[in-house]
PDB file of N, CA and C in Angstrom:
ATOM      1  N   MET A   1     108.750  94.365  89.444  1.00  0.00           N
ATOM      2  CA  MET A   1     109.536  95.404  90.057  1.00  0.00           C
ATOM      3  C   MET A   1     109.438  95.312  91.583  1.00  0.00           C
ATOM      4  N   ARG A   2     108.241  95.140  92.087  1.00  0.00           N
ATOM      5  CA  ARG A   2     108.046  95.030  93.538  1.00  0.00           C
ATOM      6  C   ARG A   2     108.853  93.858  94.110  1.00  0.00           C
ATOM      7  N   GLU A   3     108.820  92.717  93.436  1.00  0.00           N
ATOM      8  CA  GLU A   3     109.560  91.542  93.921  1.00  0.00           C
ATOM      9  C   GLU A   3     111.054  91.806  93.950  1.00  0.00           C
ATOM     10  N   ALA A   4     111.579  92.417  92.896  1.00  0.00           N
ATOM     11  CA  ALA A   4     113.015  92.685  92.816  1.00  0.00           C
ATOM     12  C   ALA A   4     113.452  93.665  93.900  1.00  0.00           C
ATOM     13  N   LEU A   5     112.679  94.719  94.111  1.00  0.00           N
ATOM     14  CA  LEU A   5     113.031  95.705  95.131  1.00  0.00           C
ATOM     15  C   LEU A   5     112.902  95.125  96.534  1.00  0.00           C
ATOM     16  N   THR A   6     111.896  94.306  96.756  1.00  0.00           N
ATOM     17  CA  THR A   6     111.725  93.671  98.064  1.00  0.00           C
ATOM     18  C   THR A   6     112.878  92.714  98.351  1.00  0.00           C
ATOM     19  N   ALA A   7     113.259  91.933  97.363  1.00  0.00           N
ATOM     20  CA  ALA A   7     114.360  90.983  97.542  1.00  0.00           C
ATOM     21  C   ALA A   7     115.689  91.700  97.779  1.00  0.00           C
ATOM     22  N   ALA A   8     115.911  92.798  97.085  1.00  0.00           N
ATOM     23  CA  ALA A   8     117.195  93.492  97.171  1.00  0.00           C
ATOM     24  C   ALA A   8     117.329  94.374  98.408  1.00  0.00           C
ATOM     25  N   PHE A   9     116.210  94.947  98.891  1.00  0.00           N
ATOM     26  CA  PHE A   9     116.307  95.982  99.922  1.00  0.00           C
ATOM     27  C   PHE A   9     115.559  95.694 101.224  1.00  0.00           C
ATOM     28  N   ALA A  10     114.781  94.628 101.298  1.00  0.00           N
ATOM     29  CA  ALA A  10     113.985  94.334 102.503  1.00  0.00           C
ATOM     30  C   ALA A  10     113.372  95.622 103.053  1.00  0.00           C
ATOM     31  N   PRO A  11     112.579  96.308 102.243  1.00  0.00           N
ATOM     32  CA  PRO A  11     112.118  97.649 102.623  1.00  0.00           C
ATOM     33  C   PRO A  11     111.127  97.666 103.786  1.00  0.00           C
ATOM     34  N   GLN A  12     111.240  98.713 104.597  1.00  0.00           N
ATOM     35  CA  GLN A  12     110.244  98.971 105.629  1.00  0.00           C
ATOM     36  C   GLN A  12     109.010  99.607 104.992  1.00  0.00           C
ATOM     37  N   LYS A  13     109.226 100.292 103.869  1.00  0.00           N
ATOM     38  CA  LYS A  13     108.128 100.913 103.131  1.00  0.00           C
ATOM     39  C   LYS A  13     108.483 100.861 101.648  1.00  0.00           C
ATOM     40  N   LEU A  14     107.499 100.487 100.834  1.00  0.00           N
ATOM     41  CA  LEU A  14     107.685 100.462  99.388  1.00  0.00           C
ATOM     42  C   LEU A  14     106.379 100.877  98.724  1.00  0.00           C
ATOM     43  N   GLU A  15     106.425 101.992  98.024  1.00  0.00           N
ATOM     44  CA  GLU A  15     105.273 102.469  97.270  1.00  0.00           C
ATOM     45  C   GLU A  15     105.703 102.632  95.821  1.00  0.00           C
ATOM     46  N   ILE A  16     104.921 102.071  94.911  1.00  0.00           N
ATOM     47  CA  ILE A  16     105.218 102.150  93.483  1.00  0.00           C
ATOM     48  C   ILE A  16     103.993 102.708  92.785  1.00  0.00           C
ATOM     49  N   LEU A  17     104.179 103.795  92.075  1.00  0.00           N
ATOM     50  CA  LEU A  17     103.093 104.439  91.349  1.00  0.00           C
ATOM     51  C   LEU A  17     103.421 104.420  89.860  1.00  0.00           C
ATOM     52  N   ASP A  18     102.550 103.827  89.069  1.00  0.00           N
ATOM     53  CA  ASP A  18     102.720 103.768  87.618  1.00  0.00           C
ATOM     54  C   ASP A  18     102.240 105.084  87.015  1.00  0.00           C
ATOM     55  N   GLU A  19     103.152 105.848  86.445  1.00  0.00           N
ATOM     56  CA  GLU A  19     102.828 107.131  85.818  1.00  0.00           C
ATOM     57  C   GLU A  19     102.942 107.058  84.301  1.00  0.00           C
ATOM     58  N   SER A  20     102.917 105.863  83.755  1.00  0.00           N
ATOM     59  CA  SER A  20     103.129 105.662  82.322  1.00  0.00           C
ATOM     60  C   SER A  20     102.128 106.416  81.465  1.00  0.00           C
ATOM     61  N   SER A  21     100.875 106.453  81.873  1.00  0.00           N
ATOM     62  CA  SER A  21      99.851 107.093  81.045  1.00  0.00           C
ATOM     63  C   SER A  21     100.121 108.577  80.853  1.00  0.00           C
ATOM     64  N   ARG A  22     100.828 109.199  81.779  1.00  0.00           N
ATOM     65  CA  ARG A  22     101.156 110.621  81.664  1.00  0.00           C
ATOM     66  C   ARG A  22     102.245 110.873  80.627  1.00  0.00           C
ATOM     67  N   HIS A  23     102.900 109.820  80.153  1.00  0.00           N
ATOM     68  CA  HIS A  23     104.024 109.964  79.231  1.00  0.00           C
ATOM     69  C   HIS A  23     103.802 109.242  77.905  1.00  0.00           C
ATOM     70  N   ALA A  24     102.635 108.699  77.696  1.00  0.00           N
ATOM     71  CA  ALA A  24     102.359 107.879  76.512  1.00  0.00           C
ATOM     72  C   ALA A  24     102.551 108.635  75.209  1.00  0.00           C
ATOM     73  N   HIS A  25     102.396 109.946  75.230  1.00  0.00           N
ATOM     74  CA  HIS A  25     102.522 110.746  74.007  1.00  0.00           C
ATOM     75  C   HIS A  25     103.965 111.112  73.671  1.00  0.00           C
ATOM     76  N   HIS A  26     104.913 110.851  74.565  1.00  0.00           N
ATOM     77  CA  HIS A  26     106.309 111.202  74.305  1.00  0.00           C
ATOM     78  C   HIS A  26     106.851 110.402  73.124  1.00  0.00           C
ATOM     79  N   VAL A  27     107.718 111.026  72.360  1.00  0.00           N
ATOM     80  CA  VAL A  27     108.271 110.396  71.158  1.00  0.00           C
ATOM     81  C   VAL A  27     108.922 109.057  71.476  1.00  0.00           C
ATOM     82  N   ALA A  28     109.653 108.977  72.572  1.00  0.00           N
ATOM     83  CA  ALA A  28     110.331 107.721  72.923  1.00  0.00           C
ATOM     84  C   ALA A  28     109.349 106.583  73.158  1.00  0.00           C
ATOM     85  N   MET A  29     108.110 106.911  73.505  1.00  0.00           N
ATOM     86  CA  MET A  29     107.117 105.876  73.771  1.00  0.00           C
ATOM     87  C   MET A  29     106.399 105.425  72.498  1.00  0.00           C
ATOM     88  N   THR A  30     106.545 106.177  71.424  1.00  0.00           N
ATOM     89  CA  THR A  30     105.897 105.815  70.165  1.00  0.00           C
ATOM     90  C   THR A  30     106.876 105.251  69.151  1.00  0.00           C
ATOM     91  N   ARG A  31     108.190 105.422  69.397  1.00  0.00           N
ATOM     92  CA  ARG A  31     109.233 104.892  68.519  1.00  0.00           C
ATOM     93  C   ARG A  31     110.370 104.326  69.359  1.00  0.00           C
ATOM     94  N   GLY A  32     111.171 103.534  68.742  1.00  0.00           N
ATOM     95  CA  GLY A  32     112.347 103.021  69.433  1.00  0.00           C
ATOM     96  C   GLY A  32     112.042 101.812  70.293  1.00  0.00           C
ATOM     97  N   PRO A  33     112.985 101.466  71.187  1.00  0.00           N
ATOM     98  CA  PRO A  33     112.853 100.222  71.957  1.00  0.00           C
ATOM     99  C   PRO A  33     111.657 100.189  72.898  1.00  0.00           C
ATOM    100  N   GLU A  34     111.169 101.351  73.346  1.00  0.00           N
ATOM    101  CA  GLU A  34     110.035 101.373  74.267  1.00  0.00           C
ATOM    102  C   GLU A  34     108.689 101.391  73.554  1.00  0.00           C
ATOM    103  N   ALA A  35     108.692 101.505  72.233  1.00  0.00           N
ATOM    104  CA  ALA A  35     107.434 101.596  71.483  1.00  0.00           C
ATOM    105  C   ALA A  35     106.534 100.411  71.815  1.00  0.00           C
ATOM    106  N   GLY A  36     105.318 100.698  72.185  1.00  0.00           N
ATOM    107  CA  GLY A  36     104.358  99.654  72.506  1.00  0.00           C
ATOM    108  C   GLY A  36     104.380  99.199  73.951  1.00  0.00           C
ATOM    109  N   ALA A  37     105.406  99.568  74.700  1.00  0.00           N
ATOM    110  CA  ALA A  37     105.461  99.205  76.118  1.00  0.00           C
ATOM    111  C   ALA A  37     104.391  99.996  76.865  1.00  0.00           C
ATOM    112  N   THR A  38     103.716  99.360  77.794  1.00  0.00           N
ATOM    113  CA  THR A  38     102.637 100.039  78.516  1.00  0.00           C
ATOM    114  C   THR A  38     103.036 100.480  79.919  1.00  0.00           C
ATOM    115  N   GLU A  39     104.076  99.905  80.471  1.00  0.00           N
ATOM    116  CA  GLU A  39     104.547 100.279  81.806  1.00  0.00           C
ATOM    117  C   GLU A  39     105.976 100.781  81.681  1.00  0.00           C
ATOM    118  N   THR A  40     106.123 102.101  81.568  1.00  0.00           N
ATOM    119  CA  THR A  40     107.415 102.689  81.240  1.00  0.00           C
ATOM    120  C   THR A  40     107.932 103.690  82.264  1.00  0.00           C
ATOM    121  N   HIS A  41     107.046 104.348  83.006  1.00  0.00           N
ATOM    122  CA  HIS A  41     107.423 105.409  83.938  1.00  0.00           C
ATOM    123  C   HIS A  41     106.830 105.125  85.320  1.00  0.00           C
ATOM    124  N   PHE A  42     107.700 105.138  86.340  1.00  0.00           N
ATOM    125  CA  PHE A  42     107.247 104.845  87.695  1.00  0.00           C
ATOM    126  C   PHE A  42     107.828 105.828  88.699  1.00  0.00           C
ATOM    127  N   ARG A  43     107.054 106.100  89.734  1.00  0.00           N
ATOM    128  CA  ARG A  43     107.508 106.862  90.895  1.00  0.00           C
ATOM    129  C   ARG A  43     107.618 105.850  92.036  1.00  0.00           C
ATOM    130  N   VAL A  44     108.779 105.822  92.688  1.00  0.00           N
ATOM    131  CA  VAL A  44     109.042 104.823  93.729  1.00  0.00           C
ATOM    132  C   VAL A  44     109.471 105.517  95.020  1.00  0.00           C
ATOM    133  N   LEU A  45     108.824 105.152  96.110  1.00  0.00           N
ATOM    134  CA  LEU A  45     109.261 105.528  97.453  1.00  0.00           C
ATOM    135  C   LEU A  45     109.745 104.246  98.112  1.00  0.00           C
ATOM    136  N   LEU A  46     111.002 104.235  98.513  1.00  0.00           N
ATOM    137  CA  LEU A  46     111.617 103.042  99.089  1.00  0.00           C
ATOM    138  C   LEU A  46     112.356 103.441 100.364  1.00  0.00           C
ATOM    139  N   VAL A  47     111.980 102.821 101.463  1.00  0.00           N
ATOM    140  CA  VAL A  47     112.623 103.064 102.756  1.00  0.00           C
ATOM    141  C   VAL A  47     113.311 101.774 103.173  1.00  0.00           C
ATOM    142  N   SER A  48     114.644 101.851 103.338  1.00  0.00           N
ATOM    143  CA  SER A  48     115.412 100.656 103.671  1.00  0.00           C
ATOM    144  C   SER A  48     116.614 101.013 104.541  1.00  0.00           C
ATOM    145  N   GLN A  49     116.893 100.157 105.490  1.00  0.00           N
ATOM    146  CA  GLN A  49     118.070 100.324 106.338  1.00  0.00           C
ATOM    147  C   GLN A  49     119.353 100.222 105.516  1.00  0.00           C
ATOM    148  N   LEU A  50     119.291  99.567 104.374  1.00  0.00           N
ATOM    149  CA  LEU A  50     120.479  99.403 103.534  1.00  0.00           C
ATOM    150  C   LEU A  50     120.997 100.727 102.982  1.00  0.00           C
ATOM    151  N   PHE A  51     120.200 101.790 103.058  1.00  0.00           N
ATOM    152  CA  PHE A  51     120.633 103.099 102.573  1.00  0.00           C
ATOM    153  C   PHE A  51     121.420 103.886 103.619  1.00  0.00           C
ATOM    154  N   GLU A  52     121.519 103.340 104.836  1.00  0.00           N
ATOM    155  CA  GLU A  52     122.247 104.020 105.908  1.00  0.00           C
ATOM    156  C   GLU A  52     123.697 104.260 105.487  1.00  0.00           C
ATOM    157  N   GLY A  53     124.133 105.515 105.540  1.00  0.00           N
ATOM    158  CA  GLY A  53     125.509 105.869 105.200  1.00  0.00           C
ATOM    159  C   GLY A  53     125.815 105.897 103.716  1.00  0.00           C
ATOM    160  N   VAL A  54     124.796 105.764 102.873  1.00  0.00           N
ATOM    161  CA  VAL A  54     124.977 105.730 101.415  1.00  0.00           C
ATOM    162  C   VAL A  54     124.479 107.049 100.827  1.00  0.00           C
ATOM    163  N   SER A  55     125.262 107.645  99.935  1.00  0.00           N
ATOM    164  CA  SER A  55     124.874 108.913  99.315  1.00  0.00           C
ATOM    165  C   SER A  55     123.638 108.742  98.439  1.00  0.00           C
ATOM    166  N   ARG A  56     122.974 109.844  98.140  1.00  0.00           N
ATOM    167  CA  ARG A  56     121.775 109.801  97.293  1.00  0.00           C
ATOM    168  C   ARG A  56     122.097 109.208  95.923  1.00  0.00           C
ATOM    169  N   VAL A  57     123.231 109.589  95.363  1.00  0.00           N
ATOM    170  CA  VAL A  57     123.613 109.071  94.046  1.00  0.00           C
ATOM    171  C   VAL A  57     123.810 107.566  94.103  1.00  0.00           C
ATOM    172  N   ASN A  58     124.494 107.092  95.114  1.00  0.00           N
ATOM    173  CA  ASN A  58     124.738 105.650  95.217  1.00  0.00           C
ATOM    174  C   ASN A  58     123.473 104.868  95.560  1.00  0.00           C
ATOM    175  N   ARG A  59     122.543 105.476  96.275  1.00  0.00           N
ATOM    176  CA  ARG A  59     121.249 104.828  96.514  1.00  0.00           C
ATOM    177  C   ARG A  59     120.540 104.607  95.180  1.00  0.00           C
ATOM    178  N   SER A  60     120.545 105.627  94.343  1.00  0.00           N
ATOM    179  CA  SER A  60     119.917 105.500  93.018  1.00  0.00           C
ATOM    180  C   SER A  60     120.598 104.421  92.195  1.00  0.00           C
ATOM    181  N   ARG A  61     121.906 104.378  92.256  1.00  0.00           N
ATOM    182  CA  ARG A  61     122.644 103.341  91.519  1.00  0.00           C
ATOM    183  C   ARG A  61     122.257 101.950  92.003  1.00  0.00           C
ATOM    184  N   MET A  62     122.092 101.805  93.301  1.00  0.00           N
ATOM    185  CA  MET A  62     121.695 100.508  93.860  1.00  0.00           C
ATOM    186  C   MET A  62     120.346 100.064  93.297  1.00  0.00           C
ATOM    187  N   VAL A  63     119.393 100.994  93.230  1.00  0.00           N
ATOM    188  CA  VAL A  63     118.064 100.664  92.709  1.00  0.00           C
ATOM    189  C   VAL A  63     118.144 100.344  91.224  1.00  0.00           C
ATOM    190  N   HIS A  64     118.875 101.146  90.463  1.00  0.00           N
ATOM    191  CA  HIS A  64     119.015 100.886  89.028  1.00  0.00           C
ATOM    192  C   HIS A  64     119.672  99.526  88.791  1.00  0.00           C
ATOM    193  N   ASP A  65     120.669  99.180  89.598  1.00  0.00           N
ATOM    194  CA  ASP A  65     121.305  97.862  89.468  1.00  0.00           C
ATOM    195  C   ASP A  65     120.304  96.744  89.751  1.00  0.00           C
ATOM    196  N   ALA A  66     119.476  96.922  90.769  1.00  0.00           N
ATOM    197  CA  ALA A  66     118.489  95.894  91.124  1.00  0.00           C
ATOM    198  C   ALA A  66     117.428  95.723  90.045  1.00  0.00           C
ATOM    199  N   LEU A  67     117.182  96.780  89.268  1.00  0.00           N
ATOM    200  CA  LEU A  67     116.136  96.745  88.236  1.00  0.00           C
ATOM    201  C   LEU A  67     116.703  96.729  86.823  1.00  0.00           C
ATOM    202  N   GLY A  68     117.959  96.385  86.672  1.00  0.00           N
ATOM    203  CA  GLY A  68     118.591  96.406  85.355  1.00  0.00           C
ATOM    204  C   GLY A  68     117.807  95.694  84.278  1.00  0.00           C
ATOM    205  N   TYR A  69     117.295  94.514  84.575  1.00  0.00           N
ATOM    206  CA  TYR A  69     116.544  93.748  83.584  1.00  0.00           C
ATOM    207  C   TYR A  69     115.274  94.475  83.162  1.00  0.00           C
ATOM    208  N   GLU A  70     114.677  95.266  84.055  1.00  0.00           N
ATOM    209  CA  GLU A  70     113.450  96.002  83.732  1.00  0.00           C
ATOM    210  C   GLU A  70     113.706  97.051  82.648  1.00  0.00           C
ATOM    211  N   PHE A  71     114.881  97.674  82.692  1.00  0.00           N
ATOM    212  CA  PHE A  71     115.202  98.684  81.682  1.00  0.00           C
ATOM    213  C   PHE A  71     115.327  98.051  80.302  1.00  0.00           C
ATOM    214  N   GLY A  72     115.701  96.805  80.245  1.00  0.00           N
ATOM    215  CA  GLY A  72     115.761  96.091  78.977  1.00  0.00           C
ATOM    216  C   GLY A  72     114.407  95.593  78.515  1.00  0.00           C
ATOM    217  N   SER A  73     113.392  95.714  79.380  1.00  0.00           N
ATOM    218  CA  SER A  73     112.049  95.215  79.066  1.00  0.00           C
ATOM    219  C   SER A  73     111.018  96.323  78.916  1.00  0.00           C
ATOM    220  N   GLY A  74     111.477  97.554  78.701  1.00  0.00           N
ATOM    221  CA  GLY A  74     110.541  98.645  78.450  1.00  0.00           C
ATOM    222  C   GLY A  74     110.514  99.738  79.492  1.00  0.00           C
ATOM    223  N   LEU A  75     111.080  99.503  80.687  1.00  0.00           N
ATOM    224  CA  LEU A  75     111.130 100.560  81.687  1.00  0.00           C
ATOM    225  C   LEU A  75     111.975 101.699  81.138  1.00  0.00           C
ATOM    226  N   HIS A  76     111.437 102.917  81.201  1.00  0.00           N
ATOM    227  CA  HIS A  76     112.109 104.071  80.604  1.00  0.00           C
ATOM    228  C   HIS A  76     112.592 105.061  81.656  1.00  0.00           C
ATOM    229  N   ALA A  77     111.821 105.243  82.742  1.00  0.00           N
ATOM    230  CA  ALA A  77     112.177 106.267  83.717  1.00  0.00           C
ATOM    231  C   ALA A  77     111.666 105.920  85.112  1.00  0.00           C
ATOM    232  N   LEU A  78     112.474 106.314  86.103  1.00  0.00           N
ATOM    233  CA  LEU A  78     112.110 106.157  87.507  1.00  0.00           C
ATOM    234  C   LEU A  78     112.274 107.496  88.214  1.00  0.00           C
ATOM    235  N   ALA A  79     111.293 107.881  88.990  1.00  0.00           N
ATOM    236  CA  ALA A  79     111.408 109.012  89.904  1.00  0.00           C
ATOM    237  C   ALA A  79     111.551 108.394  91.288  1.00  0.00           C
ATOM    238  N   LEU A  80     112.715 108.558  91.891  1.00  0.00           N
ATOM    239  CA  LEU A  80     113.034 107.829  93.118  1.00  0.00           C
ATOM    240  C   LEU A  80     113.072 108.728  94.345  1.00  0.00           C
ATOM    241  N   THR A  81     112.435 108.267  95.407  1.00  0.00           N
ATOM    242  CA  THR A  81     112.591 108.833  96.743  1.00  0.00           C
ATOM    243  C   THR A  81     113.104 107.691  97.599  1.00  0.00           C
ATOM    244  N   LEU A  82     114.356 107.806  98.049  1.00  0.00           N
ATOM    245  CA  LEU A  82     115.037 106.715  98.740  1.00  0.00           C
ATOM    246  C   LEU A  82     115.503 107.211 100.100  1.00  0.00           C
ATOM    247  N   ARG A  83     115.025 106.565 101.168  1.00  0.00           N
ATOM    248  CA  ARG A  83     115.310 107.024 102.525  1.00  0.00           C
ATOM    249  C   ARG A  83     115.677 105.864 103.443  1.00  0.00           C
ATOM    250  N   THR A  84     116.388 106.206 104.507  1.00  0.00           N
ATOM    251  CA  THR A  84     116.568 105.271 105.614  1.00  0.00           C
ATOM    252  C   THR A  84     115.316 105.363 106.486  1.00  0.00           C
ATOM    253  N   PRO A  85     115.084 104.392 107.369  1.00  0.00           N
ATOM    254  CA  PRO A  85     113.935 104.489 108.274  1.00  0.00           C
ATOM    255  C   PRO A  85     113.988 105.754 109.147  1.00  0.00           C
ATOM    256  N   GLU A  86     115.181 106.145 109.564  1.00  0.00           N
ATOM    257  CA  GLU A  86     115.327 107.339 110.393  1.00  0.00           C
ATOM    258  C   GLU A  86     114.945 108.593 109.612  1.00  0.00           C
ATOM    259  N   GLU A  87     115.380 108.681 108.363  1.00  0.00           N
ATOM    260  CA  GLU A  87     115.022 109.827 107.519  1.00  0.00           C
ATOM    261  C   GLU A  87     113.517 109.877 107.292  1.00  0.00           C
ATOM    262  N   ASP A  88     112.919 108.729 107.081  1.00  0.00           N
ATOM    263  CA  ASP A  88     111.482 108.673 106.842  1.00  0.00           C
ATOM    264  C   ASP A  88     110.700 109.083 108.094  1.00  0.00           C
ATOM    265  N   ALA A  89     111.142 108.618 109.252  1.00  0.00           N
ATOM    266  CA  ALA A  89     110.469 108.957 110.509  1.00  0.00           C
ATOM    267  C   ALA A  89     110.551 110.457 110.788  1.00  0.00           C
ATOM    268  N   ALA A  90     111.661 111.075 110.429  1.00  0.00           N
ATOM    269  CA  ALA A  90     111.831 112.509 110.659  1.00  0.00           C
ATOM    270  C   ALA A  90     110.867 113.333 109.816  1.00  0.00           C
ATOM    271  N   LEU A  91     110.392 112.769 108.714  1.00  0.00           N
ATOM    272  CA  LEU A  91     109.470 113.475 107.827  1.00  0.00           C
ATOM    273  C   LEU A  91     108.012 113.215 108.176  1.00  0.00           C
ATOM    274  N   SER A  92     107.770 112.294 109.089  1.00  0.00           N
ATOM    275  CA  SER A  92     106.387 111.941 109.461  1.00  0.00           C
ATOM    276  C   SER A  92     105.859 112.818 110.567  1.00  0.00           C
TER     277      SER A  92
END
């Protein structure tokens, strides 16, 4: 995931937190296509100039497109915080 996001967005900041253990008891994690997958839920903070002028919805779409293959390999959910460098600096 880190490699794909780095290649697609050349991020100034990239933080990935695996939250899968907090969701292991969910029904979707015990049955269906994700059953047995150990890395299913992630929280991602991504700061990239490529988000300049792009709506929040379209930023999310960009990330989902970049990680499409991951969803076919057990990824179930992403909690995304997507910012431009200017937006990130304003919060610091």
